[in-house]
Amino acid sequence: SQDVEADNGIYLASIKAAANWDGPIQVQFHFDYQGDAQRLQTGIEYSQPVAEITAVGSTAARGADVVIPLKLQVKLAGHYRLRANLLTAAHEPIAQLTVRQALGKGAQLLQLKAHKTVLAGRSGPYLLGTFVLERMSPQPGEPTRYGHSRHAEFPLEAIALESLSDEPVAITPEEQQRLELLQQLAKPPAN
């Protein structure tokens, strides 16, 4: 528990997490209003971080893709999915980048890719942020676990767009199936 005080109608509290917190937690706020004791409560899901993004390495051109390596420190091995937003220096969104990969425990590397067409007409500098790092559920009944980033965003090194080739976007068979399904759903129904 912790006492809080009002600051222009806003109440803030920072409670240090305990090592055994993991899963659903109930938060209660006790206060007096006009002489009556009141209580508000809400449930939250707290997850001990299972991995941390520690740094972003040097960007590189690979075919038509800009490759952005991210360094991680992994506490719990498993299959991970990382989503991050590629932004302009003015924080305008360019693209959401995603990668999935099995990671072992310890120092690991994930590589995000941004295709040349995503960057067309947008010269740098760029930022990478709004990270969602998930350790996907390995089996039914076991929850998805989450990681975090040491920093909310990372600046990216300059990217020489002219060094990228003009290859079309490579689509996996699964992505092609999803695209076809979305195209079918977008068609108006036949009368």
N, C-alpha and C. Protein backbone atom coordinates (compact mmCIF):
# COMPACT_ATOMS: atom_id res chain seq x y z
N SER A 1 0.85 -1.18 0.00
CA SER A 1 0.00 0.00 0.00
C SER A 1 0.88 1.24 0.00
N GLN A 2 0.28 2.33 -0.46
CA GLN A 2 1.02 3.58 -0.55
C GLN A 2 0.04 4.74 -0.46
N ASP A 3 0.42 5.80 0.25
CA ASP A 3 -0.39 7.00 0.31
C ASP A 3 -0.17 7.81 -0.96
N VAL A 4 -1.26 8.44 -1.44
CA VAL A 4 -1.16 9.30 -2.62
C VAL A 4 -1.78 10.66 -2.28
N GLU A 5 -1.32 11.67 -2.97
CA GLU A 5 -1.87 13.01 -2.79
C GLU A 5 -2.27 13.55 -4.15
N ALA A 6 -3.28 14.44 -4.12
CA ALA A 6 -3.78 15.03 -5.36
C ALA A 6 -2.80 16.05 -5.91
N ASP A 7 -2.69 16.09 -7.23
CA ASP A 7 -1.90 17.09 -7.93
C ASP A 7 -2.75 17.58 -9.09
N ASN A 8 -3.44 18.68 -8.89
CA ASN A 8 -4.37 19.22 -9.89
C ASN A 8 -5.42 18.20 -10.30
N GLY A 9 -5.97 17.50 -9.33
CA GLY A 9 -7.04 16.54 -9.61
C GLY A 9 -6.56 15.19 -10.12
N ILE A 10 -5.26 14.98 -10.16
CA ILE A 10 -4.69 13.71 -10.63
C ILE A 10 -4.00 13.03 -9.46
N TYR A 11 -4.26 11.75 -9.29
CA TYR A 11 -3.64 10.98 -8.22
C TYR A 11 -2.69 9.96 -8.84
N LEU A 12 -1.45 10.03 -8.44
CA LEU A 12 -0.44 9.11 -8.97
C LEU A 12 0.22 8.34 -7.84
N ALA A 13 0.51 7.09 -8.13
CA ALA A 13 1.26 6.26 -7.19
C ALA A 13 2.16 5.35 -8.00
N SER A 14 3.33 5.13 -7.49
CA SER A 14 4.26 4.22 -8.12
C SER A 14 4.63 3.17 -7.09
N ILE A 15 4.27 1.94 -7.39
CA ILE A 15 4.52 0.85 -6.46
C ILE A 15 5.53 -0.10 -7.08
N LYS A 16 6.59 -0.38 -6.37
CA LYS A 16 7.62 -1.27 -6.88
C LYS A 16 7.07 -2.70 -6.93
N ALA A 17 7.22 -3.34 -8.07
CA ALA A 17 6.71 -4.70 -8.25
C ALA A 17 7.50 -5.69 -7.41
N ALA A 18 6.82 -6.69 -6.94
CA ALA A 18 7.46 -7.77 -6.20
C ALA A 18 7.80 -8.90 -7.17
N ALA A 19 8.84 -9.63 -6.89
CA ALA A 19 9.31 -10.70 -7.79
C ALA A 19 8.26 -11.78 -7.97
N ASN A 20 7.36 -11.98 -6.98
CA ASN A 20 6.37 -13.05 -7.11
C ASN A 20 5.08 -12.59 -7.79
N TRP A 21 5.01 -11.33 -8.22
CA TRP A 21 3.83 -10.86 -8.96
C TRP A 21 3.88 -11.44 -10.36
N ASP A 22 2.85 -12.10 -10.76
CA ASP A 22 2.75 -12.59 -12.13
C ASP A 22 1.33 -13.10 -12.33
N GLY A 23 0.56 -12.40 -13.11
CA GLY A 23 -0.82 -12.79 -13.34
C GLY A 23 -1.78 -11.70 -12.90
N PRO A 24 -3.02 -12.10 -12.62
CA PRO A 24 -4.02 -11.09 -12.27
C PRO A 24 -3.76 -10.48 -10.88
N ILE A 25 -3.95 -9.17 -10.81
CA ILE A 25 -3.77 -8.43 -9.56
C ILE A 25 -4.96 -7.49 -9.41
N GLN A 26 -5.44 -7.34 -8.19
CA GLN A 26 -6.53 -6.42 -7.93
C GLN A 26 -5.95 -5.17 -7.27
N VAL A 27 -6.28 -4.01 -7.83
CA VAL A 27 -5.82 -2.73 -7.30
C VAL A 27 -7.00 -2.06 -6.62
N GLN A 28 -6.80 -1.61 -5.39
CA GLN A 28 -7.85 -0.93 -4.64
C GLN A 28 -7.39 0.47 -4.26
N PHE A 29 -8.32 1.39 -4.32
CA PHE A 29 -8.07 2.78 -3.96
C PHE A 29 -9.06 3.14 -2.86
N HIS A 30 -8.56 3.41 -1.65
CA HIS A 30 -9.40 3.75 -0.50
C HIS A 30 -9.29 5.25 -0.26
N PHE A 31 -10.43 5.91 -0.07
CA PHE A 31 -10.43 7.35 0.18
C PHE A 31 -11.68 7.76 0.95
N ASP A 32 -11.62 8.95 1.51
CA ASP A 32 -12.78 9.53 2.20
C ASP A 32 -13.34 10.63 1.33
N TYR A 33 -14.65 10.63 1.18
CA TYR A 33 -15.32 11.67 0.43
C TYR A 33 -16.52 12.15 1.25
N GLN A 34 -16.48 13.42 1.62
CA GLN A 34 -17.53 14.04 2.44
C GLN A 34 -17.82 13.21 3.70
N GLY A 35 -16.73 12.74 4.32
CA GLY A 35 -16.84 12.02 5.57
C GLY A 35 -17.16 10.54 5.45
N ASP A 36 -17.41 10.04 4.25
CA ASP A 36 -17.71 8.62 4.06
C ASP A 36 -16.51 7.89 3.46
N ALA A 37 -16.20 6.72 3.99
CA ALA A 37 -15.11 5.89 3.45
C ALA A 37 -15.57 5.28 2.12
N GLN A 38 -14.75 5.40 1.12
CA GLN A 38 -15.06 4.88 -0.22
C GLN A 38 -13.95 3.94 -0.66
N ARG A 39 -14.29 3.07 -1.60
CA ARG A 39 -13.29 2.15 -2.15
C ARG A 39 -13.59 1.92 -3.63
N LEU A 40 -12.58 2.10 -4.46
CA LEU A 40 -12.65 1.74 -5.88
C LEU A 40 -11.67 0.62 -6.11
N GLN A 41 -12.00 -0.27 -7.02
CA GLN A 41 -11.05 -1.35 -7.33
C GLN A 41 -11.15 -1.71 -8.80
N THR A 42 -10.07 -2.24 -9.30
CA THR A 42 -10.01 -2.70 -10.67
C THR A 42 -9.01 -3.85 -10.75
N GLY A 43 -9.17 -4.68 -11.74
CA GLY A 43 -8.23 -5.78 -11.96
C GLY A 43 -7.27 -5.43 -13.08
N ILE A 44 -6.04 -5.82 -12.92
CA ILE A 44 -5.04 -5.67 -13.98
C ILE A 44 -4.30 -6.99 -14.13
N GLU A 45 -3.66 -7.15 -15.26
CA GLU A 45 -2.84 -8.33 -15.52
C GLU A 45 -1.39 -7.86 -15.48
N TYR A 46 -0.61 -8.39 -14.56
CA TYR A 46 0.79 -8.01 -14.45
C TYR A 46 1.64 -9.19 -14.87
N SER A 47 2.61 -8.92 -15.72
CA SER A 47 3.49 -9.98 -16.20
C SER A 47 4.93 -9.58 -15.93
N GLN A 48 5.65 -10.43 -15.22
CA GLN A 48 7.08 -10.20 -15.05
C GLN A 48 7.72 -10.24 -16.43
N PRO A 49 8.52 -9.25 -16.77
CA PRO A 49 9.14 -9.24 -18.10
C PRO A 49 10.00 -10.49 -18.33
N VAL A 50 9.79 -11.12 -19.49
CA VAL A 50 10.55 -12.33 -19.81
C VAL A 50 11.69 -12.04 -20.78
N ALA A 51 11.74 -10.80 -21.30
CA ALA A 51 12.82 -10.40 -22.21
C ALA A 51 12.87 -8.88 -22.24
N GLU A 52 14.03 -8.36 -22.61
CA GLU A 52 14.20 -6.91 -22.69
C GLU A 52 14.95 -6.55 -23.97
N ILE A 53 14.43 -5.57 -24.70
CA ILE A 53 15.15 -5.00 -25.83
C ILE A 53 16.17 -4.04 -25.24
N THR A 54 17.44 -4.30 -25.49
CA THR A 54 18.49 -3.50 -24.86
C THR A 54 19.10 -2.46 -25.79
N ALA A 55 19.09 -2.73 -27.09
CA ALA A 55 19.72 -1.79 -28.03
C ALA A 55 19.29 -2.13 -29.46
N VAL A 56 19.54 -1.17 -30.33
CA VAL A 56 19.33 -1.38 -31.77
C VAL A 56 20.69 -1.27 -32.43
N GLY A 57 21.01 -2.25 -33.27
CA GLY A 57 22.29 -2.26 -33.97
C GLY A 57 22.26 -1.40 -35.22
N SER A 58 23.29 -1.51 -36.02
CA SER A 58 23.42 -0.74 -37.25
C SER A 58 22.48 -1.27 -38.33
N THR A 59 21.74 -0.38 -38.96
CA THR A 59 20.86 -0.77 -40.06
C THR A 59 21.70 -1.18 -41.26
N ALA A 60 21.15 -2.05 -42.10
CA ALA A 60 21.87 -2.52 -43.28
C ALA A 60 20.90 -2.73 -44.42
N ALA A 61 21.38 -2.59 -45.63
CA ALA A 61 20.58 -2.86 -46.83
C ALA A 61 20.77 -4.31 -47.20
N ARG A 62 19.65 -5.01 -47.43
CA ARG A 62 19.69 -6.39 -47.90
C ARG A 62 18.63 -6.53 -48.98
N GLY A 63 19.07 -6.49 -50.23
CA GLY A 63 18.12 -6.52 -51.34
C GLY A 63 17.28 -5.25 -51.31
N ALA A 64 15.96 -5.40 -51.28
CA ALA A 64 15.05 -4.25 -51.23
C ALA A 64 14.64 -3.91 -49.80
N ASP A 65 15.23 -4.59 -48.82
CA ASP A 65 14.86 -4.39 -47.42
C ASP A 65 15.94 -3.65 -46.64
N VAL A 66 15.47 -2.83 -45.72
CA VAL A 66 16.34 -2.27 -44.68
C VAL A 66 16.21 -3.22 -43.50
N VAL A 67 17.32 -3.75 -43.03
CA VAL A 67 17.33 -4.68 -41.91
C VAL A 67 17.73 -3.92 -40.65
N ILE A 68 16.90 -4.06 -39.61
CA ILE A 68 17.12 -3.36 -38.35
C ILE A 68 17.33 -4.41 -37.25
N PRO A 69 18.58 -4.62 -36.81
CA PRO A 69 18.83 -5.62 -35.77
C PRO A 69 18.54 -5.07 -34.37
N LEU A 70 17.83 -5.86 -33.58
CA LEU A 70 17.54 -5.49 -32.20
C LEU A 70 18.21 -6.49 -31.27
N LYS A 71 18.89 -5.97 -30.27
CA LYS A 71 19.57 -6.82 -29.29
C LYS A 71 18.64 -7.01 -28.10
N LEU A 72 18.51 -8.26 -27.67
CA LEU A 72 17.63 -8.60 -26.56
C LEU A 72 18.37 -9.38 -25.50
N GLN A 73 17.88 -9.28 -24.29
CA GLN A 73 18.32 -10.13 -23.20
C GLN A 73 17.09 -10.95 -22.80
N VAL A 74 17.13 -12.27 -23.04
CA VAL A 74 15.97 -13.14 -22.85
C VAL A 74 16.12 -13.93 -21.56
N LYS A 75 15.08 -13.87 -20.70
CA LYS A 75 15.08 -14.62 -19.45
C LYS A 75 14.40 -15.98 -19.60
N LEU A 76 13.45 -16.08 -20.54
CA LEU A 76 12.68 -17.30 -20.71
C LEU A 76 12.64 -17.66 -22.19
N ALA A 77 13.25 -18.78 -22.57
CA ALA A 77 13.30 -19.21 -23.97
C ALA A 77 11.89 -19.49 -24.48
N GLY A 78 11.71 -19.36 -25.79
CA GLY A 78 10.42 -19.65 -26.40
C GLY A 78 10.28 -18.98 -27.75
N HIS A 79 9.07 -19.06 -28.30
CA HIS A 79 8.76 -18.40 -29.57
C HIS A 79 8.27 -16.99 -29.28
N TYR A 80 8.96 -16.01 -29.85
CA TYR A 80 8.67 -14.61 -29.60
C TYR A 80 8.13 -13.93 -30.85
N ARG A 81 7.27 -12.93 -30.61
CA ARG A 81 6.82 -12.04 -31.68
C ARG A 81 7.11 -10.62 -31.20
N LEU A 82 7.72 -9.84 -32.09
CA LEU A 82 8.02 -8.45 -31.79
C LEU A 82 7.33 -7.59 -32.83
N ARG A 83 6.57 -6.60 -32.36
CA ARG A 83 5.98 -5.58 -33.23
C ARG A 83 6.56 -4.24 -32.79
N ALA A 84 6.91 -3.42 -33.78
CA ALA A 84 7.44 -2.10 -33.48
C ALA A 84 7.01 -1.15 -34.59
N ASN A 85 6.86 0.11 -34.25
CA ASN A 85 6.48 1.11 -35.25
C ASN A 85 7.71 1.83 -35.74
N LEU A 86 7.81 1.95 -37.06
CA LEU A 86 8.84 2.75 -37.70
C LEU A 86 8.23 4.13 -37.88
N LEU A 87 8.94 5.15 -37.38
CA LEU A 87 8.42 6.52 -37.36
C LEU A 87 9.40 7.48 -38.00
N THR A 88 8.88 8.62 -38.46
CA THR A 88 9.76 9.70 -38.89
C THR A 88 10.30 10.37 -37.63
N ALA A 89 11.25 11.27 -37.79
CA ALA A 89 11.80 11.99 -36.64
C ALA A 89 10.73 12.85 -35.98
N ALA A 90 9.67 13.21 -36.73
CA ALA A 90 8.55 14.00 -36.19
C ALA A 90 7.48 13.09 -35.59
N HIS A 91 7.78 11.81 -35.41
CA HIS A 91 6.87 10.81 -34.83
C HIS A 91 5.65 10.51 -35.69
N GLU A 92 5.77 10.69 -36.99
CA GLU A 92 4.70 10.30 -37.91
C GLU A 92 4.91 8.84 -38.25
N PRO A 93 3.85 8.03 -38.17
CA PRO A 93 4.01 6.59 -38.43
C PRO A 93 4.30 6.31 -39.90
N ILE A 94 5.20 5.38 -40.14
CA ILE A 94 5.52 4.93 -41.49
C ILE A 94 5.00 3.51 -41.68
N ALA A 95 5.33 2.61 -40.75
CA ALA A 95 4.92 1.21 -40.87
C ALA A 95 5.03 0.52 -39.53
N GLN A 96 4.25 -0.56 -39.39
CA GLN A 96 4.42 -1.44 -38.25
C GLN A 96 5.21 -2.65 -38.74
N LEU A 97 6.32 -2.92 -38.10
CA LEU A 97 7.20 -4.01 -38.48
C LEU A 97 7.02 -5.16 -37.49
N THR A 98 7.03 -6.38 -38.00
CA THR A 98 6.80 -7.56 -37.16
C THR A 98 7.80 -8.64 -37.52
N VAL A 99 8.24 -9.36 -36.50
CA VAL A 99 9.09 -10.54 -36.71
C VAL A 99 8.72 -11.58 -35.66
N ARG A 100 8.77 -12.85 -36.07
CA ARG A 100 8.57 -13.99 -35.15
C ARG A 100 9.80 -14.87 -35.23
N GLN A 101 10.21 -15.35 -34.04
CA GLN A 101 11.41 -16.19 -34.03
C GLN A 101 11.51 -16.92 -32.70
N ALA A 102 12.04 -18.13 -32.76
CA ALA A 102 12.35 -18.88 -31.54
C ALA A 102 13.64 -18.30 -30.96
N LEU A 103 13.62 -18.00 -29.67
CA LEU A 103 14.78 -17.42 -29.01
C LEU A 103 15.17 -18.26 -27.81
N GLY A 104 16.47 -18.42 -27.62
CA GLY A 104 16.99 -19.10 -26.44
C GLY A 104 17.20 -18.09 -25.32
N LYS A 105 17.65 -18.58 -24.20
CA LYS A 105 17.91 -17.73 -23.04
C LYS A 105 19.23 -16.99 -23.24
N GLY A 106 19.30 -15.75 -22.74
CA GLY A 106 20.54 -14.99 -22.82
C GLY A 106 20.49 -13.93 -23.90
N ALA A 107 21.66 -13.49 -24.37
CA ALA A 107 21.76 -12.45 -25.39
C ALA A 107 21.28 -13.01 -26.72
N GLN A 108 20.32 -12.32 -27.35
CA GLN A 108 19.73 -12.77 -28.61
C GLN A 108 19.62 -11.59 -29.57
N LEU A 109 19.34 -11.89 -30.84
CA LEU A 109 19.20 -10.86 -31.87
C LEU A 109 17.96 -11.14 -32.70
N LEU A 110 17.13 -10.13 -32.88
CA LEU A 110 15.98 -10.19 -33.78
C LEU A 110 16.21 -9.17 -34.88
N GLN A 111 15.77 -9.49 -36.09
CA GLN A 111 15.96 -8.56 -37.20
C GLN A 111 14.60 -8.18 -37.80
N LEU A 112 14.28 -6.89 -37.69
CA LEU A 112 13.09 -6.36 -38.36
C LEU A 112 13.48 -5.95 -39.76
N LYS A 113 12.51 -6.01 -40.68
CA LYS A 113 12.77 -5.61 -42.06
C LYS A 113 11.71 -4.61 -42.50
N ALA A 114 12.17 -3.58 -43.23
CA ALA A 114 11.27 -2.60 -43.83
C ALA A 114 11.57 -2.57 -45.33
N HIS A 115 10.56 -2.84 -46.14
CA HIS A 115 10.74 -2.86 -47.59
C HIS A 115 10.90 -1.43 -48.12
N LYS A 116 11.64 -1.32 -49.20
CA LYS A 116 11.93 -0.02 -49.82
C LYS A 116 10.65 0.77 -50.12
N THR A 117 9.59 0.09 -50.53
CA THR A 117 8.35 0.78 -50.88
C THR A 117 7.74 1.49 -49.68
N VAL A 118 7.97 0.99 -48.48
CA VAL A 118 7.44 1.61 -47.27
C VAL A 118 8.13 2.95 -47.02
N LEU A 119 9.39 3.04 -47.39
CA LEU A 119 10.18 4.24 -47.12
C LEU A 119 10.17 5.25 -48.26
N ALA A 120 9.55 4.90 -49.38
CA ALA A 120 9.55 5.78 -50.56
C ALA A 120 9.02 7.16 -50.19
N GLY A 121 9.78 8.17 -50.56
CA GLY A 121 9.37 9.55 -50.31
C GLY A 121 9.56 10.02 -48.88
N ARG A 122 10.15 9.21 -48.05
CA ARG A 122 10.36 9.58 -46.63
C ARG A 122 11.84 9.42 -46.30
N SER A 123 12.56 10.50 -46.42
CA SER A 123 13.98 10.41 -46.07
C SER A 123 14.10 10.50 -44.56
N GLY A 124 15.19 9.97 -44.03
CA GLY A 124 15.38 9.91 -42.58
C GLY A 124 15.62 11.29 -42.00
N PRO A 125 15.91 11.36 -40.74
CA PRO A 125 16.14 10.24 -39.83
C PRO A 125 14.84 9.55 -39.40
N TYR A 126 15.01 8.33 -38.88
CA TYR A 126 13.88 7.52 -38.46
C TYR A 126 14.01 7.14 -36.99
N LEU A 127 12.88 6.75 -36.41
CA LEU A 127 12.84 6.24 -35.05
C LEU A 127 12.14 4.90 -35.06
N LEU A 128 12.46 4.07 -34.09
CA LEU A 128 11.78 2.80 -33.89
C LEU A 128 11.23 2.81 -32.47
N GLY A 129 9.92 2.56 -32.32
CA GLY A 129 9.33 2.63 -31.00
C GLY A 129 8.01 1.88 -30.93
N THR A 130 7.25 2.11 -29.86
CA THR A 130 5.96 1.46 -29.58
C THR A 130 6.13 -0.06 -29.67
N PHE A 131 7.00 -0.58 -28.87
CA PHE A 131 7.35 -2.00 -28.92
C PHE A 131 6.31 -2.86 -28.20
N VAL A 132 5.97 -4.00 -28.82
CA VAL A 132 5.19 -5.04 -28.16
C VAL A 132 5.99 -6.33 -28.35
N LEU A 133 6.55 -6.82 -27.27
CA LEU A 133 7.39 -8.02 -27.29
C LEU A 133 6.65 -9.11 -26.53
N GLU A 134 6.27 -10.18 -27.24
CA GLU A 134 5.48 -11.26 -26.65
C GLU A 134 6.21 -12.59 -26.74
N ARG A 135 6.16 -13.34 -25.67
CA ARG A 135 6.54 -14.75 -25.72
C ARG A 135 5.21 -15.48 -25.87
N MET A 136 5.00 -16.05 -27.06
CA MET A 136 3.71 -16.65 -27.37
C MET A 136 3.48 -17.90 -26.54
N SER A 137 2.22 -18.16 -26.24
CA SER A 137 1.85 -19.30 -25.42
C SER A 137 2.33 -20.59 -26.06
N PRO A 138 3.11 -21.39 -25.34
CA PRO A 138 3.63 -22.62 -25.92
C PRO A 138 2.60 -23.75 -25.96
N GLN A 139 1.54 -23.64 -25.16
CA GLN A 139 0.51 -24.68 -25.12
C GLN A 139 -0.76 -24.11 -24.53
N PRO A 140 -1.90 -24.72 -24.81
CA PRO A 140 -3.16 -24.22 -24.25
C PRO A 140 -3.10 -24.18 -22.72
N GLY A 141 -3.64 -23.10 -22.18
CA GLY A 141 -3.66 -22.95 -20.73
C GLY A 141 -2.46 -22.19 -20.18
N GLU A 142 -1.40 -22.08 -20.95
CA GLU A 142 -0.25 -21.31 -20.50
C GLU A 142 -0.35 -19.92 -21.12
N PRO A 143 -0.27 -18.88 -20.30
CA PRO A 143 -0.50 -17.53 -20.83
C PRO A 143 0.64 -17.01 -21.69
N THR A 144 0.29 -16.06 -22.54
CA THR A 144 1.29 -15.30 -23.27
C THR A 144 2.03 -14.45 -22.25
N ARG A 145 3.33 -14.34 -22.41
CA ARG A 145 4.15 -13.54 -21.50
C ARG A 145 4.73 -12.39 -22.30
N TYR A 146 5.13 -11.34 -21.62
CA TYR A 146 5.57 -10.12 -22.31
C TYR A 146 6.94 -9.68 -21.85
N GLY A 147 7.59 -8.98 -22.74
CA GLY A 147 8.85 -8.33 -22.44
C GLY A 147 8.67 -6.83 -22.56
N HIS A 148 9.77 -6.11 -22.49
CA HIS A 148 9.70 -4.66 -22.60
C HIS A 148 10.99 -4.15 -23.24
N SER A 149 11.01 -2.86 -23.47
CA SER A 149 12.18 -2.23 -24.05
C SER A 149 12.84 -1.33 -23.02
N ARG A 150 14.13 -1.31 -23.01
CA ARG A 150 14.88 -0.46 -22.08
C ARG A 150 14.57 1.02 -22.33
N HIS A 151 14.29 1.35 -23.60
CA HIS A 151 13.96 2.73 -23.97
C HIS A 151 12.66 2.72 -24.78
N ALA A 152 11.88 3.78 -24.67
CA ALA A 152 10.61 3.86 -25.37
C ALA A 152 10.81 3.90 -26.88
N GLU A 153 11.90 4.49 -27.32
CA GLU A 153 12.21 4.52 -28.76
C GLU A 153 13.72 4.60 -28.95
N PHE A 154 14.13 4.18 -30.14
CA PHE A 154 15.55 4.21 -30.51
C PHE A 154 15.70 4.95 -31.82
N PRO A 155 16.67 5.86 -31.93
CA PRO A 155 16.95 6.47 -33.23
C PRO A 155 17.66 5.44 -34.11
N LEU A 156 17.39 5.49 -35.41
CA LEU A 156 18.04 4.58 -36.35
C LEU A 156 19.11 5.32 -37.12
N GLU A 157 20.15 4.60 -37.47
CA GLU A 157 21.20 5.18 -38.30
C GLU A 157 20.62 5.56 -39.66
N ALA A 158 21.28 6.48 -40.33
CA ALA A 158 20.84 6.91 -41.66
C ALA A 158 20.77 5.70 -42.60
N ILE A 159 19.75 5.71 -43.43
CA ILE A 159 19.53 4.61 -44.37
C ILE A 159 19.68 5.16 -45.79
N ALA A 160 20.62 4.63 -46.55
CA ALA A 160 20.82 5.06 -47.94
C ALA A 160 19.82 4.31 -48.82
N LEU A 161 18.68 4.95 -49.10
CA LEU A 161 17.62 4.29 -49.87
C LEU A 161 18.08 3.89 -51.27
N GLU A 162 19.02 4.65 -51.83
CA GLU A 162 19.51 4.32 -53.18
C GLU A 162 20.30 3.02 -53.20
N SER A 163 20.72 2.54 -52.04
CA SER A 163 21.47 1.27 -51.99
C SER A 163 20.53 0.06 -52.00
N LEU A 164 19.21 0.29 -51.92
CA LEU A 164 18.24 -0.81 -51.93
C LEU A 164 17.87 -1.17 -53.36
N SER A 165 17.66 -2.46 -53.61
CA SER A 165 17.28 -2.91 -54.95
C SER A 165 15.79 -2.65 -55.18
N ASP A 166 15.33 -2.94 -56.37
CA ASP A 166 13.92 -2.71 -56.73
C ASP A 166 13.11 -4.00 -56.75
N GLU A 167 13.54 -5.00 -56.00
CA GLU A 167 12.80 -6.27 -55.94
C GLU A 167 11.42 -6.05 -55.35
N PRO A 168 10.42 -6.80 -55.83
CA PRO A 168 9.09 -6.68 -55.21
C PRO A 168 9.09 -7.29 -53.81
N VAL A 169 8.06 -6.97 -53.06
CA VAL A 169 7.92 -7.51 -51.70
C VAL A 169 7.76 -9.02 -51.78
N ALA A 170 8.52 -9.75 -50.97
CA ALA A 170 8.42 -11.21 -50.92
C ALA A 170 7.29 -11.57 -49.96
N ILE A 171 6.32 -12.33 -50.45
CA ILE A 171 5.16 -12.71 -49.63
C ILE A 171 5.20 -14.21 -49.40
N THR A 172 5.08 -14.60 -48.13
CA THR A 172 5.06 -16.02 -47.79
C THR A 172 3.71 -16.62 -48.20
N PRO A 173 3.62 -17.94 -48.35
CA PRO A 173 2.33 -18.55 -48.70
C PRO A 173 1.23 -18.22 -47.68
N GLU A 174 1.57 -18.15 -46.40
CA GLU A 174 0.58 -17.80 -45.38
C GLU A 174 0.09 -16.37 -45.57
N GLU A 175 1.01 -15.45 -45.86
CA GLU A 175 0.62 -14.06 -46.10
C GLU A 175 -0.24 -13.94 -47.35
N GLN A 176 0.08 -14.74 -48.38
CA GLN A 176 -0.71 -14.73 -49.60
C GLN A 176 -2.14 -15.21 -49.32
N GLN A 177 -2.29 -16.26 -48.50
CA GLN A 177 -3.62 -16.74 -48.14
C GLN A 177 -4.41 -15.68 -47.38
N ARG A 178 -3.76 -14.99 -46.44
CA ARG A 178 -4.44 -13.94 -45.69
C ARG A 178 -4.85 -12.79 -46.60
N LEU A 179 -3.98 -12.44 -47.55
CA LEU A 179 -4.28 -11.38 -48.50
C LEU A 179 -5.49 -11.74 -49.35
N GLU A 180 -5.52 -12.99 -49.84
CA GLU A 180 -6.65 -13.43 -50.66
C GLU A 180 -7.95 -13.44 -49.85
N LEU A 181 -7.88 -13.87 -48.60
CA LEU A 181 -9.06 -13.86 -47.75
C LEU A 181 -9.57 -12.43 -47.54
N LEU A 182 -8.65 -11.50 -47.25
CA LEU A 182 -9.05 -10.11 -47.06
C LEU A 182 -9.65 -9.52 -48.33
N GLN A 183 -9.09 -9.89 -49.49
CA GLN A 183 -9.65 -9.40 -50.75
C GLN A 183 -11.05 -9.95 -50.98
N GLN A 184 -11.27 -11.22 -50.62
CA GLN A 184 -12.61 -11.80 -50.76
C GLN A 184 -13.60 -11.12 -49.82
N LEU A 185 -13.16 -10.86 -48.59
CA LEU A 185 -14.04 -10.21 -47.62
C LEU A 185 -14.36 -8.76 -48.04
N ALA A 186 -13.46 -8.13 -48.77
CA ALA A 186 -13.67 -6.75 -49.18
C ALA A 186 -14.64 -6.63 -50.36
N LYS A 187 -14.89 -7.74 -51.09
CA LYS A 187 -15.81 -7.70 -52.23
C LYS A 187 -17.23 -7.58 -51.72
N PRO A 188 -18.05 -6.75 -52.42
CA PRO A 188 -19.45 -6.65 -52.01
C PRO A 188 -20.16 -7.98 -52.27
N PRO A 189 -21.15 -8.33 -51.44
CA PRO A 189 -21.85 -9.60 -51.63
C PRO A 189 -22.67 -9.59 -52.93
N ALA A 190 -22.73 -10.74 -53.57
CA ALA A 190 -23.48 -10.87 -54.83
C ALA A 190 -24.98 -10.90 -54.48
N ASN A 191 -25.79 -10.26 -55.31
CA ASN A 191 -27.25 -10.26 -55.09
C ASN A 191 -27.89 -11.52 -55.58
